[in-house]
Amino acid sequence: MAEQADKAHKAAEARLNSQRAFWRTFGGFVLIWIVCTIIWAVTGAGMFWPIWVIVGTGIATLFMGWNAFGPRNTGPSQAQVDEEAKKFEN
């Protein structure tokens, strides 16, 4: 029982660390987006090239967000493991 509580505690800690890392990275990306947009505006404002930076880092942000805030990966339940183990006994 204590082993399962310890496992749950470590999973919760890892998820919280992932969420903190997401927010730090997202803040850095927003800063990069702002800097690129300022450079674009100051240098003549031709084609809006910062969109490529925003799209690229935005995709990375989506994947990080899904990992940090998406469904939890709890792994197989004990019943599923027992059921699979029965297949090997026969």
N, C-alpha and C. Protein backbone atom coordinates (compact mmCIF):
# COMPACT_ATOMS: atom_id res chain seq x y z
N MET A 1 0.82 -1.20 0.00
CA MET A 1 0.00 0.00 0.00
C MET A 1 0.87 1.26 0.00
N ALA A 2 1.93 1.23 0.82
CA ALA A 2 2.83 2.39 0.88
C ALA A 2 3.57 2.57 -0.44
N GLU A 3 3.84 1.44 -1.09
CA GLU A 3 4.53 1.51 -2.38
C GLU A 3 3.67 2.23 -3.42
N GLN A 4 2.36 1.93 -3.41
CA GLN A 4 1.46 2.58 -4.37
C GLN A 4 1.31 4.07 -4.05
N ALA A 5 1.26 4.42 -2.77
CA ALA A 5 1.17 5.83 -2.38
C ALA A 5 2.44 6.58 -2.80
N ASP A 6 3.59 5.91 -2.63
CA ASP A 6 4.86 6.52 -3.05
C ASP A 6 4.89 6.71 -4.56
N LYS A 7 4.38 5.74 -5.30
CA LYS A 7 4.34 5.83 -6.76
C LYS A 7 3.43 6.98 -7.20
N ALA A 8 2.27 7.11 -6.54
CA ALA A 8 1.34 8.19 -6.86
C ALA A 8 1.96 9.54 -6.52
N HIS A 9 2.68 9.62 -5.41
CA HIS A 9 3.34 10.86 -5.01
C HIS A 9 4.38 11.28 -6.04
N LYS A 10 5.17 10.31 -6.51
CA LYS A 10 6.19 10.63 -7.52
C LYS A 10 5.56 11.04 -8.84
N ALA A 11 4.44 10.40 -9.22
CA ALA A 11 3.74 10.77 -10.46
C ALA A 11 3.18 12.20 -10.34
N ALA A 12 2.62 12.53 -9.18
CA ALA A 12 2.08 13.87 -8.97
C ALA A 12 3.19 14.91 -9.00
N GLU A 13 4.32 14.59 -8.39
CA GLU A 13 5.45 15.51 -8.39
C GLU A 13 5.99 15.74 -9.81
N ALA A 14 6.07 14.67 -10.59
CA ALA A 14 6.55 14.79 -11.97
C ALA A 14 5.59 15.64 -12.80
N ARG A 15 4.28 15.46 -12.58
CA ARG A 15 3.29 16.24 -13.34
C ARG A 15 3.38 17.72 -12.97
N LEU A 16 3.53 18.02 -11.69
CA LEU A 16 3.66 19.42 -11.27
C LEU A 16 4.93 20.05 -11.82
N ASN A 17 6.03 19.30 -11.84
CA ASN A 17 7.27 19.80 -12.43
C ASN A 17 7.09 20.06 -13.92
N SER A 18 6.35 19.19 -14.59
CA SER A 18 6.07 19.37 -16.02
C SER A 18 5.24 20.63 -16.26
N GLN A 19 4.28 20.88 -15.39
CA GLN A 19 3.45 22.08 -15.52
C GLN A 19 4.27 23.35 -15.29
N ARG A 20 5.15 23.32 -14.30
CA ARG A 20 6.01 24.49 -14.06
C ARG A 20 6.93 24.73 -15.25
N ALA A 21 7.48 23.67 -15.80
CA ALA A 21 8.36 23.80 -16.97
C ALA A 21 7.59 24.35 -18.16
N PHE A 22 6.34 23.95 -18.31
CA PHE A 22 5.51 24.48 -19.39
C PHE A 22 5.38 26.00 -19.27
N TRP A 23 5.04 26.49 -18.09
CA TRP A 23 4.83 27.93 -17.92
C TRP A 23 6.13 28.73 -18.12
N ARG A 24 7.26 28.17 -17.67
CA ARG A 24 8.54 28.85 -17.91
C ARG A 24 8.84 28.91 -19.41
N THR A 25 8.65 27.82 -20.09
CA THR A 25 8.92 27.78 -21.53
C THR A 25 7.96 28.67 -22.28
N PHE A 26 6.69 28.65 -21.92
CA PHE A 26 5.70 29.49 -22.58
C PHE A 26 6.06 30.97 -22.41
N GLY A 27 6.48 31.35 -21.21
CA GLY A 27 6.90 32.74 -20.98
C GLY A 27 8.08 33.12 -21.85
N GLY A 28 9.03 32.21 -22.00
CA GLY A 28 10.17 32.47 -22.88
C GLY A 28 9.75 32.61 -24.33
N PHE A 29 8.81 31.76 -24.77
CA PHE A 29 8.32 31.86 -26.15
C PHE A 29 7.61 33.18 -26.40
N VAL A 30 6.80 33.62 -25.44
CA VAL A 30 6.11 34.90 -25.59
C VAL A 30 7.11 36.03 -25.71
N LEU A 31 8.16 35.99 -24.92
CA LEU A 31 9.21 37.00 -25.00
C LEU A 31 9.86 36.99 -26.38
N ILE A 32 10.16 35.80 -26.90
CA ILE A 32 10.73 35.68 -28.24
C ILE A 32 9.78 36.23 -29.29
N TRP A 33 8.49 35.93 -29.16
CA TRP A 33 7.50 36.44 -30.12
C TRP A 33 7.47 37.96 -30.11
N ILE A 34 7.52 38.55 -28.93
CA ILE A 34 7.49 40.01 -28.82
C ILE A 34 8.75 40.62 -29.44
N VAL A 35 9.91 40.06 -29.12
CA VAL A 35 11.17 40.58 -29.67
C VAL A 35 11.17 40.48 -31.20
N CYS A 36 10.76 39.34 -31.73
CA CYS A 36 10.72 39.18 -33.19
C CYS A 36 9.76 40.16 -33.83
N THR A 37 8.61 40.38 -33.21
CA THR A 37 7.63 41.32 -33.76
C THR A 37 8.17 42.75 -33.71
N ILE A 38 8.87 43.11 -32.65
CA ILE A 38 9.48 44.44 -32.57
C ILE A 38 10.55 44.60 -33.65
N ILE A 39 11.39 43.58 -33.82
CA ILE A 39 12.41 43.65 -34.88
C ILE A 39 11.75 43.80 -36.24
N TRP A 40 10.70 43.04 -36.50
CA TRP A 40 9.97 43.14 -37.76
C TRP A 40 9.43 44.55 -37.96
N ALA A 41 8.82 45.12 -36.92
CA ALA A 41 8.22 46.45 -37.03
C ALA A 41 9.27 47.53 -37.24
N VAL A 42 10.42 47.42 -36.59
CA VAL A 42 11.46 48.43 -36.67
C VAL A 42 12.19 48.38 -38.01
N THR A 43 12.28 47.19 -38.60
CA THR A 43 13.07 47.05 -39.83
C THR A 43 12.26 47.23 -41.11
N GLY A 44 11.08 47.76 -41.04
CA GLY A 44 10.36 48.09 -42.25
C GLY A 44 9.01 47.42 -42.41
N ALA A 45 8.71 46.45 -41.59
CA ALA A 45 7.39 45.81 -41.57
C ALA A 45 6.95 45.32 -42.93
N GLY A 46 7.81 44.55 -43.60
CA GLY A 46 7.41 43.90 -44.86
C GLY A 46 6.51 42.73 -44.55
N MET A 47 6.80 41.59 -45.21
CA MET A 47 6.03 40.39 -44.91
C MET A 47 6.21 40.06 -43.42
N PHE A 48 5.15 39.62 -42.77
CA PHE A 48 5.20 39.34 -41.33
C PHE A 48 5.90 38.02 -41.09
N TRP A 49 7.25 38.03 -41.14
CA TRP A 49 8.03 36.82 -40.97
C TRP A 49 8.00 36.24 -39.56
N PRO A 50 7.70 37.02 -38.49
CA PRO A 50 7.64 36.41 -37.16
C PRO A 50 6.56 35.33 -37.04
N ILE A 51 5.65 35.27 -38.00
CA ILE A 51 4.62 34.23 -37.95
C ILE A 51 5.25 32.85 -37.95
N TRP A 52 6.39 32.69 -38.65
CA TRP A 52 7.05 31.39 -38.70
C TRP A 52 7.63 31.01 -37.34
N VAL A 53 8.13 31.99 -36.64
CA VAL A 53 8.64 31.75 -35.28
C VAL A 53 7.47 31.41 -34.36
N ILE A 54 6.38 32.15 -34.50
CA ILE A 54 5.21 31.93 -33.66
C ILE A 54 4.59 30.56 -33.92
N VAL A 55 4.48 30.18 -35.19
CA VAL A 55 3.90 28.87 -35.52
C VAL A 55 4.80 27.74 -35.01
N GLY A 56 6.10 27.84 -35.27
CA GLY A 56 7.02 26.79 -34.84
C GLY A 56 7.04 26.59 -33.33
N THR A 57 7.19 27.67 -32.61
CA THR A 57 7.21 27.56 -31.15
C THR A 57 5.81 27.27 -30.60
N GLY A 58 4.78 27.71 -31.33
CA GLY A 58 3.41 27.41 -30.92
C GLY A 58 3.12 25.92 -30.96
N ILE A 59 3.63 25.24 -31.97
CA ILE A 59 3.45 23.78 -32.05
C ILE A 59 4.14 23.11 -30.86
N ALA A 60 5.36 23.55 -30.57
CA ALA A 60 6.06 23.00 -29.41
C ALA A 60 5.29 23.27 -28.13
N THR A 61 4.71 24.46 -28.03
CA THR A 61 3.92 24.82 -26.85
C THR A 61 2.70 23.92 -26.70
N LEU A 62 2.04 23.61 -27.82
CA LEU A 62 0.87 22.73 -27.76
C LEU A 62 1.25 21.34 -27.23
N PHE A 63 2.35 20.79 -27.73
CA PHE A 63 2.77 19.47 -27.27
C PHE A 63 3.16 19.49 -25.79
N MET A 64 3.87 20.53 -25.39
CA MET A 64 4.24 20.64 -23.97
C MET A 64 3.00 20.79 -23.09
N GLY A 65 2.04 21.58 -23.55
CA GLY A 65 0.81 21.78 -22.80
C GLY A 65 0.01 20.49 -22.67
N TRP A 66 -0.04 19.71 -23.75
CA TRP A 66 -0.75 18.44 -23.70
C TRP A 66 -0.08 17.50 -22.70
N ASN A 67 1.23 17.49 -22.71
CA ASN A 67 1.97 16.64 -21.78
C ASN A 67 1.76 17.09 -20.33
N ALA A 68 1.73 18.39 -20.10
CA ALA A 68 1.64 18.92 -18.74
C ALA A 68 0.21 18.92 -18.19
N PHE A 69 -0.77 19.20 -19.05
CA PHE A 69 -2.14 19.38 -18.56
C PHE A 69 -3.14 18.40 -19.13
N GLY A 70 -2.70 17.56 -20.09
CA GLY A 70 -3.59 16.61 -20.73
C GLY A 70 -3.93 15.44 -19.82
N PRO A 71 -4.56 14.42 -20.40
CA PRO A 71 -4.93 13.25 -19.60
C PRO A 71 -3.71 12.60 -18.94
N ARG A 72 -3.92 12.11 -17.77
CA ARG A 72 -2.83 11.45 -17.04
C ARG A 72 -2.59 10.06 -17.61
N ASN A 73 -1.34 9.70 -17.70
CA ASN A 73 -0.98 8.35 -18.12
C ASN A 73 -0.72 7.54 -16.85
N THR A 74 -1.72 6.83 -16.41
CA THR A 74 -1.60 6.08 -15.16
C THR A 74 -1.05 4.68 -15.37
N GLY A 75 -0.95 4.26 -16.60
CA GLY A 75 -0.46 2.92 -16.87
C GLY A 75 -1.56 1.90 -16.67
N PRO A 76 -1.24 0.62 -16.83
CA PRO A 76 -2.27 -0.41 -16.69
C PRO A 76 -2.67 -0.61 -15.23
N SER A 77 -3.95 -0.96 -15.03
CA SER A 77 -4.41 -1.24 -13.68
C SER A 77 -3.95 -2.63 -13.27
N GLN A 78 -4.06 -2.92 -12.00
CA GLN A 78 -3.65 -4.24 -11.51
C GLN A 78 -4.53 -5.32 -12.13
N ALA A 79 -5.81 -5.02 -12.35
CA ALA A 79 -6.71 -6.00 -12.97
C ALA A 79 -6.28 -6.31 -14.40
N GLN A 80 -5.84 -5.30 -15.14
CA GLN A 80 -5.37 -5.51 -16.50
C GLN A 80 -4.09 -6.35 -16.50
N VAL A 81 -3.20 -6.10 -15.57
CA VAL A 81 -1.96 -6.88 -15.47
C VAL A 81 -2.28 -8.33 -15.14
N ASP A 82 -3.21 -8.54 -14.19
CA ASP A 82 -3.59 -9.91 -13.82
C ASP A 82 -4.22 -10.65 -14.99
N GLU A 83 -5.08 -9.96 -15.73
CA GLU A 83 -5.72 -10.56 -16.90
C GLU A 83 -4.69 -10.95 -17.96
N GLU A 84 -3.73 -10.08 -18.20
CA GLU A 84 -2.68 -10.39 -19.18
C GLU A 84 -1.80 -11.54 -18.70
N ALA A 85 -1.53 -11.59 -17.41
CA ALA A 85 -0.70 -12.66 -16.84
C ALA A 85 -1.40 -14.01 -16.99
N LYS A 86 -2.72 -14.04 -16.90
CA LYS A 86 -3.46 -15.29 -17.06
C LYS A 86 -3.26 -15.88 -18.45
N LYS A 87 -3.08 -15.04 -19.44
CA LYS A 87 -2.88 -15.51 -20.81
C LYS A 87 -1.58 -16.30 -20.92
N PHE A 88 -0.60 -15.98 -20.11
CA PHE A 88 0.68 -16.66 -20.15
C PHE A 88 0.67 -17.98 -19.38
N GLU A 89 -0.29 -18.11 -18.45
CA GLU A 89 -0.36 -19.32 -17.63
C GLU A 89 -0.90 -20.50 -18.41
N ASN A 90 -1.73 -20.25 -19.41
CA ASN A 90 -2.35 -21.35 -20.17
C ASN A 90 -1.51 -21.83 -21.29
